[in-house]
Amino acid sequence: MHSILTSRRGALKALGALALSGVASQLLLSTRASAALAPAGQGLKDFIAVSRTLTGEAEINPTLALALYQAFARNSPEIDTELASLKAALGAGEALAQDDKTAFAEAQKAEQALAQAILQGWYLGVVGKGKKSVCVAYVETLSNRAVADVLVPPSYSYGPCGSWSAKP
């Protein structure tokens, strides 16, 4: 009887330790994610705010937002100023035609181009054009998430492992 109690206590201790380590790792990961997002400052906050407005998504993936923001920052050193201008344009509803978030006044061509580039980043996962383009995401893009319940991203197996070897 004593060995059964010891083994049950040991099992409970092991399960408790496992649960505690899981909670601790989640706290550590969220702390690291917060620490990674903190250095970007107001520019990243503006990027997330503008992204929410343009995409209509209330929940923005913070890791992907940071990666996209950093890709924009590599291509354009003035990204923080441009984001502040775009955020102001999106906040001032009179500048937009019929609440269409990508239809800007003639004088706002720079803001329109940035808005379209941000949407391209979120939906296609690519920031920039030509030789300056950077692929930031693939599976986690909004276009793939929109059809994830029906389609599997290209290059991923549609069946169990090895199913590709059998004739259809």
N, C-alpha and C. Protein backbone atom coordinates (compact mmCIF):
# COMPACT_ATOMS: atom_id res chain seq x y z
N MET A 1 0.83 -1.19 0.00
CA MET A 1 0.00 0.00 0.00
C MET A 1 0.87 1.25 0.00
N HIS A 2 1.99 1.20 0.75
CA HIS A 2 2.88 2.36 0.82
C HIS A 2 3.48 2.71 -0.54
N SER A 3 3.84 1.69 -1.33
CA SER A 3 4.42 1.97 -2.65
C SER A 3 3.40 2.56 -3.62
N ILE A 4 2.11 2.18 -3.43
CA ILE A 4 1.07 2.75 -4.28
C ILE A 4 0.89 4.23 -3.97
N LEU A 5 0.89 4.60 -2.65
CA LEU A 5 0.77 6.00 -2.28
C LEU A 5 1.95 6.81 -2.78
N THR A 6 3.12 6.23 -2.68
CA THR A 6 4.32 6.92 -3.14
C THR A 6 4.26 7.15 -4.64
N SER A 7 3.83 6.14 -5.38
CA SER A 7 3.78 6.29 -6.83
C SER A 7 2.68 7.28 -7.24
N ARG A 8 1.56 7.29 -6.52
CA ARG A 8 0.52 8.27 -6.83
C ARG A 8 0.99 9.68 -6.52
N ARG A 9 1.65 9.83 -5.35
CA ARG A 9 2.19 11.14 -5.00
C ARG A 9 3.23 11.58 -6.02
N GLY A 10 4.06 10.64 -6.41
CA GLY A 10 5.08 10.96 -7.42
C GLY A 10 4.46 11.38 -8.73
N ALA A 11 3.40 10.64 -9.11
CA ALA A 11 2.71 10.98 -10.37
C ALA A 11 2.06 12.35 -10.27
N LEU A 12 1.42 12.63 -9.13
CA LEU A 12 0.79 13.94 -8.94
C LEU A 12 1.84 15.06 -8.93
N LYS A 13 2.96 14.80 -8.28
CA LYS A 13 4.03 15.80 -8.28
C LYS A 13 4.53 16.05 -9.69
N ALA A 14 4.71 14.97 -10.45
CA ALA A 14 5.19 15.11 -11.83
C ALA A 14 4.19 15.89 -12.67
N LEU A 15 2.90 15.57 -12.53
CA LEU A 15 1.87 16.30 -13.27
C LEU A 15 1.83 17.77 -12.87
N GLY A 16 1.95 18.01 -11.57
CA GLY A 16 1.97 19.39 -11.09
C GLY A 16 3.16 20.16 -11.63
N ALA A 17 4.32 19.51 -11.62
CA ALA A 17 5.53 20.16 -12.15
C ALA A 17 5.39 20.43 -13.64
N LEU A 18 4.79 19.48 -14.35
CA LEU A 18 4.58 19.65 -15.79
C LEU A 18 3.64 20.82 -16.06
N ALA A 19 2.55 20.89 -15.31
CA ALA A 19 1.59 22.00 -15.50
C ALA A 19 2.24 23.33 -15.15
N LEU A 20 3.02 23.35 -14.07
CA LEU A 20 3.70 24.58 -13.67
C LEU A 20 4.71 25.02 -14.72
N SER A 21 5.44 24.06 -15.28
CA SER A 21 6.42 24.42 -16.31
C SER A 21 5.72 24.95 -17.56
N GLY A 22 4.54 24.39 -17.89
CA GLY A 22 3.79 24.88 -19.03
C GLY A 22 3.33 26.32 -18.84
N VAL A 23 2.83 26.62 -17.65
CA VAL A 23 2.39 27.98 -17.34
C VAL A 23 3.59 28.93 -17.35
N ALA A 24 4.70 28.48 -16.76
CA ALA A 24 5.90 29.31 -16.72
C ALA A 24 6.43 29.60 -18.11
N SER A 25 6.40 28.58 -18.98
CA SER A 25 6.90 28.81 -20.34
C SER A 25 6.00 29.77 -21.10
N GLN A 26 4.67 29.69 -20.90
CA GLN A 26 3.77 30.63 -21.55
C GLN A 26 4.01 32.05 -21.07
N LEU A 27 4.24 32.21 -19.76
CA LEU A 27 4.55 33.54 -19.23
C LEU A 27 5.85 34.06 -19.79
N LEU A 28 6.85 33.17 -19.89
CA LEU A 28 8.14 33.57 -20.44
C LEU A 28 8.01 33.97 -21.90
N LEU A 29 7.24 33.18 -22.67
CA LEU A 29 7.05 33.51 -24.09
C LEU A 29 6.32 34.83 -24.25
N SER A 30 5.26 35.05 -23.45
CA SER A 30 4.54 36.31 -23.58
C SER A 30 5.40 37.48 -23.14
N THR A 31 6.26 37.26 -22.14
CA THR A 31 7.17 38.31 -21.71
C THR A 31 8.19 38.61 -22.81
N ARG A 32 8.70 37.55 -23.44
CA ARG A 32 9.65 37.75 -24.54
C ARG A 32 8.99 38.44 -25.72
N ALA A 33 7.76 38.06 -26.03
CA ALA A 33 7.04 38.71 -27.13
C ALA A 33 6.82 40.18 -26.82
N SER A 34 6.45 40.48 -25.58
CA SER A 34 6.25 41.88 -25.19
C SER A 34 7.56 42.64 -25.27
N ALA A 35 8.64 41.99 -24.84
CA ALA A 35 9.95 42.64 -24.89
C ALA A 35 10.39 42.88 -26.33
N ALA A 36 10.06 41.95 -27.21
CA ALA A 36 10.42 42.11 -28.62
C ALA A 36 9.63 43.24 -29.27
N LEU A 37 8.39 43.41 -28.83
CA LEU A 37 7.54 44.45 -29.42
C LEU A 37 7.86 45.82 -28.85
N ALA A 38 8.35 45.89 -27.62
CA ALA A 38 8.58 47.17 -26.95
C ALA A 38 9.58 48.09 -27.66
N PRO A 39 10.75 47.59 -28.14
CA PRO A 39 11.73 48.51 -28.72
C PRO A 39 11.24 49.26 -29.96
N ALA A 40 10.27 48.70 -30.67
CA ALA A 40 9.81 49.35 -31.89
C ALA A 40 9.08 50.65 -31.61
N GLY A 41 8.47 50.77 -30.43
CA GLY A 41 7.87 52.02 -30.00
C GLY A 41 6.61 52.42 -30.74
N GLN A 42 6.46 53.73 -30.90
CA GLN A 42 5.24 54.30 -31.47
C GLN A 42 5.03 53.88 -32.92
N GLY A 43 6.09 53.68 -33.66
CA GLY A 43 5.95 53.27 -35.05
C GLY A 43 5.22 51.95 -35.18
N LEU A 44 5.57 50.98 -34.33
CA LEU A 44 4.89 49.69 -34.35
C LEU A 44 3.44 49.83 -33.89
N LYS A 45 3.20 50.67 -32.89
CA LYS A 45 1.83 50.89 -32.43
C LYS A 45 0.99 51.49 -33.54
N ASP A 46 1.55 52.45 -34.26
CA ASP A 46 0.84 53.05 -35.41
C ASP A 46 0.60 52.00 -36.50
N PHE A 47 1.61 51.15 -36.74
CA PHE A 47 1.48 50.11 -37.76
C PHE A 47 0.33 49.16 -37.41
N ILE A 48 0.24 48.76 -36.15
CA ILE A 48 -0.83 47.86 -35.73
C ILE A 48 -2.19 48.55 -35.83
N ALA A 49 -2.26 49.81 -35.41
CA ALA A 49 -3.53 50.55 -35.49
C ALA A 49 -3.98 50.70 -36.95
N VAL A 50 -3.06 51.07 -37.82
CA VAL A 50 -3.38 51.23 -39.24
C VAL A 50 -3.78 49.88 -39.84
N SER A 51 -3.06 48.83 -39.46
CA SER A 51 -3.36 47.49 -39.98
C SER A 51 -4.76 47.04 -39.57
N ARG A 52 -5.14 47.32 -38.33
CA ARG A 52 -6.48 46.95 -37.88
C ARG A 52 -7.55 47.69 -38.69
N THR A 53 -7.30 48.96 -38.95
CA THR A 53 -8.26 49.76 -39.71
C THR A 53 -8.36 49.26 -41.15
N LEU A 54 -7.22 49.01 -41.78
CA LEU A 54 -7.23 48.61 -43.18
C LEU A 54 -7.77 47.20 -43.40
N THR A 55 -7.39 46.27 -42.54
CA THR A 55 -7.80 44.88 -42.74
C THR A 55 -9.16 44.57 -42.14
N GLY A 56 -9.60 45.38 -41.18
CA GLY A 56 -10.84 45.10 -40.49
C GLY A 56 -10.71 43.99 -39.46
N GLU A 57 -9.48 43.57 -39.19
CA GLU A 57 -9.21 42.51 -38.21
C GLU A 57 -8.97 43.16 -36.85
N ALA A 58 -9.77 42.78 -35.87
CA ALA A 58 -9.58 43.31 -34.51
C ALA A 58 -8.37 42.69 -33.84
N GLU A 59 -8.14 41.40 -34.12
CA GLU A 59 -7.00 40.69 -33.53
C GLU A 59 -5.89 40.57 -34.57
N ILE A 60 -4.82 41.29 -34.34
CA ILE A 60 -3.67 41.26 -35.23
C ILE A 60 -2.58 40.42 -34.57
N ASN A 61 -1.98 39.50 -35.32
CA ASN A 61 -0.89 38.68 -34.81
C ASN A 61 0.30 39.59 -34.51
N PRO A 62 0.68 39.75 -33.23
CA PRO A 62 1.75 40.70 -32.90
C PRO A 62 3.12 40.30 -33.44
N THR A 63 3.38 39.01 -33.53
CA THR A 63 4.67 38.55 -34.06
C THR A 63 4.77 38.86 -35.55
N LEU A 64 3.70 38.59 -36.27
CA LEU A 64 3.68 38.90 -37.71
C LEU A 64 3.70 40.41 -37.93
N ALA A 65 3.00 41.15 -37.07
CA ALA A 65 3.01 42.62 -37.18
C ALA A 65 4.43 43.16 -37.01
N LEU A 66 5.16 42.63 -36.04
CA LEU A 66 6.54 43.07 -35.83
C LEU A 66 7.41 42.74 -37.04
N ALA A 67 7.25 41.53 -37.58
CA ALA A 67 8.04 41.14 -38.75
C ALA A 67 7.73 42.03 -39.96
N LEU A 68 6.45 42.31 -40.18
CA LEU A 68 6.08 43.18 -41.29
C LEU A 68 6.61 44.60 -41.08
N TYR A 69 6.46 45.11 -39.86
CA TYR A 69 6.93 46.45 -39.55
C TYR A 69 8.45 46.55 -39.78
N GLN A 70 9.19 45.55 -39.32
CA GLN A 70 10.65 45.56 -39.51
C GLN A 70 11.02 45.50 -40.98
N ALA A 71 10.26 44.75 -41.78
CA ALA A 71 10.52 44.70 -43.22
C ALA A 71 10.26 46.06 -43.86
N PHE A 72 9.19 46.73 -43.45
CA PHE A 72 8.92 48.08 -43.95
C PHE A 72 10.02 49.04 -43.53
N ALA A 73 10.49 48.91 -42.30
CA ALA A 73 11.54 49.81 -41.79
C ALA A 73 12.85 49.62 -42.55
N ARG A 74 13.15 48.39 -42.97
CA ARG A 74 14.36 48.14 -43.76
C ARG A 74 14.27 48.79 -45.14
N ASN A 75 13.08 48.79 -45.72
CA ASN A 75 12.89 49.37 -47.05
C ASN A 75 12.71 50.88 -47.03
N SER A 76 12.21 51.42 -45.91
CA SER A 76 11.94 52.84 -45.84
C SER A 76 12.29 53.38 -44.45
N PRO A 77 13.38 54.13 -44.33
CA PRO A 77 13.78 54.67 -43.03
C PRO A 77 12.77 55.67 -42.45
N GLU A 78 11.92 56.24 -43.29
CA GLU A 78 10.93 57.23 -42.82
C GLU A 78 9.58 56.58 -42.50
N ILE A 79 9.56 55.27 -42.27
CA ILE A 79 8.29 54.56 -42.11
C ILE A 79 7.47 55.10 -40.94
N ASP A 80 8.12 55.50 -39.85
CA ASP A 80 7.36 56.00 -38.70
C ASP A 80 6.59 57.27 -39.04
N THR A 81 7.23 58.18 -39.77
CA THR A 81 6.57 59.41 -40.20
C THR A 81 5.44 59.11 -41.17
N GLU A 82 5.69 58.19 -42.10
CA GLU A 82 4.69 57.81 -43.08
C GLU A 82 3.48 57.15 -42.41
N LEU A 83 3.75 56.31 -41.40
CA LEU A 83 2.66 55.65 -40.69
C LEU A 83 1.81 56.66 -39.91
N ALA A 84 2.48 57.63 -39.28
CA ALA A 84 1.74 58.67 -38.55
C ALA A 84 0.83 59.45 -39.50
N SER A 85 1.34 59.75 -40.69
CA SER A 85 0.55 60.47 -41.69
C SER A 85 -0.63 59.62 -42.16
N LEU A 86 -0.38 58.34 -42.41
CA LEU A 86 -1.46 57.45 -42.84
C LEU A 86 -2.49 57.27 -41.74
N LYS A 87 -2.04 57.13 -40.51
CA LYS A 87 -2.97 56.99 -39.38
C LYS A 87 -3.86 58.23 -39.26
N ALA A 88 -3.27 59.40 -39.45
CA ALA A 88 -4.05 60.65 -39.40
C ALA A 88 -5.05 60.69 -40.55
N ALA A 89 -4.64 60.25 -41.75
CA ALA A 89 -5.54 60.26 -42.90
C ALA A 89 -6.70 59.29 -42.70
N LEU A 90 -6.41 58.12 -42.12
CA LEU A 90 -7.47 57.14 -41.88
C LEU A 90 -8.39 57.59 -40.77
N GLY A 91 -7.86 58.36 -39.82
CA GLY A 91 -8.68 58.86 -38.72
C GLY A 91 -9.59 59.99 -39.13
N ALA A 92 -9.17 60.74 -40.12
CA ALA A 92 -9.97 61.86 -40.62
C ALA A 92 -10.86 61.34 -41.74
N GLY A 93 -12.07 60.95 -41.42
CA GLY A 93 -12.97 60.31 -42.37
C GLY A 93 -13.28 61.10 -43.62
N GLU A 94 -13.15 62.43 -43.56
CA GLU A 94 -13.50 63.23 -44.73
C GLU A 94 -12.53 63.03 -45.89
N ALA A 95 -11.32 62.55 -45.61
CA ALA A 95 -10.35 62.35 -46.67
C ALA A 95 -10.62 61.09 -47.48
N LEU A 96 -11.45 60.21 -46.95
CA LEU A 96 -11.70 58.94 -47.60
C LEU A 96 -13.04 58.98 -48.33
N ALA A 97 -13.10 58.34 -49.47
CA ALA A 97 -14.32 58.34 -50.28
C ALA A 97 -15.21 57.17 -49.87
N GLN A 98 -16.41 57.44 -49.46
CA GLN A 98 -17.41 56.45 -49.06
C GLN A 98 -16.85 55.37 -48.13
N ASP A 99 -16.05 55.77 -47.16
CA ASP A 99 -15.47 54.85 -46.18
C ASP A 99 -14.63 53.75 -46.80
N ASP A 100 -14.25 53.89 -48.05
CA ASP A 100 -13.36 52.92 -48.68
C ASP A 100 -11.96 53.26 -48.20
N LYS A 101 -11.35 52.34 -47.46
CA LYS A 101 -10.09 52.63 -46.78
C LYS A 101 -8.91 52.81 -47.74
N THR A 102 -9.04 52.42 -48.99
CA THR A 102 -7.93 52.60 -49.92
C THR A 102 -8.21 53.68 -50.96
N ALA A 103 -9.34 54.36 -50.89
CA ALA A 103 -9.63 55.46 -51.81
C ALA A 103 -9.29 56.77 -51.12
N PHE A 104 -8.23 57.40 -51.56
CA PHE A 104 -7.74 58.62 -50.94
C PHE A 104 -7.92 59.80 -51.89
N ALA A 105 -7.83 60.98 -51.32
CA ALA A 105 -7.88 62.20 -52.12
C ALA A 105 -6.65 62.26 -53.02
N GLU A 106 -6.71 63.07 -54.05
CA GLU A 106 -5.61 63.19 -55.02
C GLU A 106 -4.29 63.57 -54.35
N ALA A 107 -4.36 64.41 -53.32
CA ALA A 107 -3.14 64.87 -52.64
C ALA A 107 -2.55 63.82 -51.71
N GLN A 108 -3.21 62.69 -51.56
CA GLN A 108 -2.75 61.67 -50.62
C GLN A 108 -2.24 60.41 -51.32
N LYS A 109 -1.53 60.57 -52.40
CA LYS A 109 -1.00 59.43 -53.16
C LYS A 109 -0.01 58.62 -52.33
N ALA A 110 0.82 59.27 -51.51
CA ALA A 110 1.80 58.56 -50.69
C ALA A 110 1.09 57.70 -49.64
N GLU A 111 0.04 58.23 -49.03
CA GLU A 111 -0.71 57.47 -48.04
C GLU A 111 -1.42 56.29 -48.68
N GLN A 112 -1.95 56.50 -49.88
CA GLN A 112 -2.62 55.42 -50.60
C GLN A 112 -1.64 54.30 -50.93
N ALA A 113 -0.45 54.66 -51.39
CA ALA A 113 0.56 53.65 -51.74
C ALA A 113 0.98 52.86 -50.50
N LEU A 114 1.14 53.55 -49.38
CA LEU A 114 1.52 52.86 -48.14
C LEU A 114 0.40 51.94 -47.67
N ALA A 115 -0.84 52.40 -47.76
CA ALA A 115 -1.98 51.56 -47.36
C ALA A 115 -2.04 50.30 -48.21
N GLN A 116 -1.83 50.43 -49.50
CA GLN A 116 -1.84 49.27 -50.38
C GLN A 116 -0.67 48.33 -50.09
N ALA A 117 0.49 48.89 -49.77
CA ALA A 117 1.65 48.07 -49.43
C ALA A 117 1.42 47.31 -48.12
N ILE A 118 0.78 47.96 -47.16
CA ILE A 118 0.48 47.29 -45.88
C ILE A 118 -0.51 46.15 -46.11
N LEU A 119 -1.53 46.40 -46.91
CA LEU A 119 -2.49 45.34 -47.23
C LEU A 119 -1.81 44.18 -47.96
N GLN A 120 -0.90 44.49 -48.87
CA GLN A 120 -0.15 43.45 -49.57
C GLN A 120 0.64 42.62 -48.57
N GLY A 121 1.26 43.28 -47.60
CA GLY A 121 2.02 42.56 -46.58
C GLY A 121 1.15 41.61 -45.78
N TRP A 122 -0.01 42.08 -45.35
CA TRP A 122 -0.88 41.23 -44.53
C TRP A 122 -1.52 40.11 -45.34
N TYR A 123 -1.93 40.37 -46.59
CA TYR A 123 -2.65 39.36 -47.36
C TYR A 123 -1.73 38.44 -48.16
N LEU A 124 -0.60 38.95 -48.64
CA LEU A 124 0.30 38.12 -49.44
C LEU A 124 1.58 37.73 -48.70
N GLY A 125 1.90 38.45 -47.63
CA GLY A 125 3.09 38.13 -46.85
C GLY A 125 4.37 38.70 -47.43
N VAL A 126 4.27 39.56 -48.44
CA VAL A 126 5.44 40.13 -49.11
C VAL A 126 5.46 41.64 -48.91
N VAL A 127 6.63 42.15 -48.52
CA VAL A 127 6.81 43.59 -48.35
C VAL A 127 7.82 44.04 -49.40
N GLY A 128 7.45 45.08 -50.16
CA GLY A 128 8.34 45.62 -51.18
C GLY A 128 8.07 45.03 -52.54
N LYS A 129 8.82 45.54 -53.53
CA LYS A 129 8.67 45.08 -54.90
C LYS A 129 10.04 44.80 -55.51
N GLY A 130 10.06 43.90 -56.46
CA GLY A 130 11.29 43.60 -57.19
C GLY A 130 12.38 43.03 -56.30
N LYS A 131 13.61 43.52 -56.52
CA LYS A 131 14.76 43.01 -55.77
C LYS A 131 14.73 43.39 -54.29
N LYS A 132 13.94 44.40 -53.94
CA LYS A 132 13.83 44.82 -52.54
C LYS A 132 12.73 44.07 -51.79
N SER A 133 12.00 43.19 -52.47
CA SER A 133 10.90 42.50 -51.80
C SER A 133 11.42 41.49 -50.79
N VAL A 134 10.65 41.36 -49.71
CA VAL A 134 10.98 40.44 -48.63
C VAL A 134 9.75 39.61 -48.33
N CYS A 135 9.90 38.29 -48.34
CA CYS A 135 8.79 37.41 -47.97
C CYS A 135 8.82 37.25 -46.46
N VAL A 136 7.78 37.73 -45.79
CA VAL A 136 7.72 37.73 -44.33
C VAL A 136 6.87 36.57 -43.82
N ALA A 137 5.82 36.21 -44.53
CA ALA A 137 4.91 35.16 -44.08
C ALA A 137 4.37 34.41 -45.29
N TYR A 138 3.86 33.20 -45.01
CA TYR A 138 3.25 32.43 -46.08
C TYR A 138 1.93 31.84 -45.59
N VAL A 139 1.99 30.91 -44.68
CA VAL A 139 0.79 30.25 -44.21
C VAL A 139 -0.07 31.18 -43.36
N GLU A 140 0.55 32.07 -42.60
CA GLU A 140 -0.18 32.94 -41.68
C GLU A 140 -0.74 34.20 -42.33
N THR A 141 -0.62 34.34 -43.64
CA THR A 141 -1.17 35.53 -44.29
C THR A 141 -2.70 35.51 -44.20
N LEU A 142 -3.28 36.69 -44.27
CA LEU A 142 -4.74 36.78 -44.16
C LEU A 142 -5.45 36.09 -45.33
N SER A 143 -4.83 36.07 -46.50
CA SER A 143 -5.48 35.39 -47.63
C SER A 143 -5.53 33.88 -47.39
N ASN A 144 -4.48 33.30 -46.85
CA ASN A 144 -4.50 31.87 -46.56
C ASN A 144 -5.40 31.55 -45.38
N ARG A 145 -5.44 32.43 -44.39
CA ARG A 145 -6.32 32.19 -43.24
C ARG A 145 -7.79 32.27 -43.64
N ALA A 146 -8.10 33.10 -44.64
CA ALA A 146 -9.49 33.25 -45.07
C ALA A 146 -10.04 31.98 -45.71
N VAL A 147 -9.18 31.19 -46.33
CA VAL A 147 -9.63 29.97 -47.01
C VAL A 147 -9.12 28.70 -46.34
N ALA A 148 -8.58 28.82 -45.14
CA ALA A 148 -7.95 27.68 -44.46
C ALA A 148 -8.93 26.53 -44.20
N ASP A 149 -10.20 26.83 -44.05
CA ASP A 149 -11.17 25.76 -43.78
C ASP A 149 -11.50 24.95 -45.04
N VAL A 150 -11.11 25.44 -46.22
CA VAL A 150 -11.43 24.77 -47.47
C VAL A 150 -10.17 24.33 -48.22
N LEU A 151 -9.16 25.19 -48.23
CA LEU A 151 -7.96 24.92 -49.02
C LEU A 151 -6.74 24.72 -48.14
N VAL A 152 -5.83 23.89 -48.61
CA VAL A 152 -4.55 23.71 -47.96
C VAL A 152 -3.54 24.53 -48.75
N PRO A 153 -2.64 25.27 -48.09
CA PRO A 153 -1.67 26.06 -48.85
C PRO A 153 -0.87 25.18 -49.81
N PRO A 154 -0.57 25.68 -51.00
CA PRO A 154 0.22 24.90 -51.96
C PRO A 154 1.53 24.44 -51.34
N SER A 155 1.97 23.28 -51.75
CA SER A 155 3.21 22.62 -51.32
C SER A 155 3.04 21.86 -50.01
N TYR A 156 1.84 21.83 -49.47
CA TYR A 156 1.58 21.04 -48.28
C TYR A 156 0.79 19.80 -48.69
N SER A 157 1.08 18.68 -48.09
CA SER A 157 0.42 17.42 -48.42
C SER A 157 -1.06 17.49 -48.06
N TYR A 158 -1.89 16.96 -48.93
CA TYR A 158 -3.33 16.98 -48.71
C TYR A 158 -3.81 15.76 -47.93
N GLY A 159 -2.99 14.81 -47.72
CA GLY A 159 -3.41 13.59 -47.03
C GLY A 159 -2.38 13.18 -46.01
N PRO A 160 -2.50 11.93 -45.55
CA PRO A 160 -1.52 11.46 -44.56
C PRO A 160 -0.14 11.33 -45.21
N CYS A 161 0.84 11.20 -44.37
CA CYS A 161 2.22 11.12 -44.84
C CYS A 161 2.38 10.00 -45.87
N GLY A 162 2.96 10.32 -47.00
CA GLY A 162 3.20 9.34 -48.07
C GLY A 162 2.05 9.17 -49.02
N SER A 163 0.93 9.88 -48.83
CA SER A 163 -0.23 9.70 -49.69
C SER A 163 0.05 10.15 -51.12
N TRP A 164 1.02 10.99 -51.31
CA TRP A 164 1.37 11.47 -52.64
C TRP A 164 1.89 10.36 -53.54
N SER A 165 2.39 9.27 -52.97
CA SER A 165 3.00 8.22 -53.78
C SER A 165 1.97 7.33 -54.46
N ALA A 166 0.73 7.31 -53.96
CA ALA A 166 -0.32 6.49 -54.56
C ALA A 166 -0.97 7.23 -55.72
N LYS A 167 -1.34 6.51 -56.74
CA LYS A 167 -2.04 7.11 -57.88
C LYS A 167 -3.40 7.61 -57.42
N PRO A 168 -3.83 8.76 -57.93
CA PRO A 168 -5.15 9.28 -57.53
C PRO A 168 -6.30 8.45 -58.06
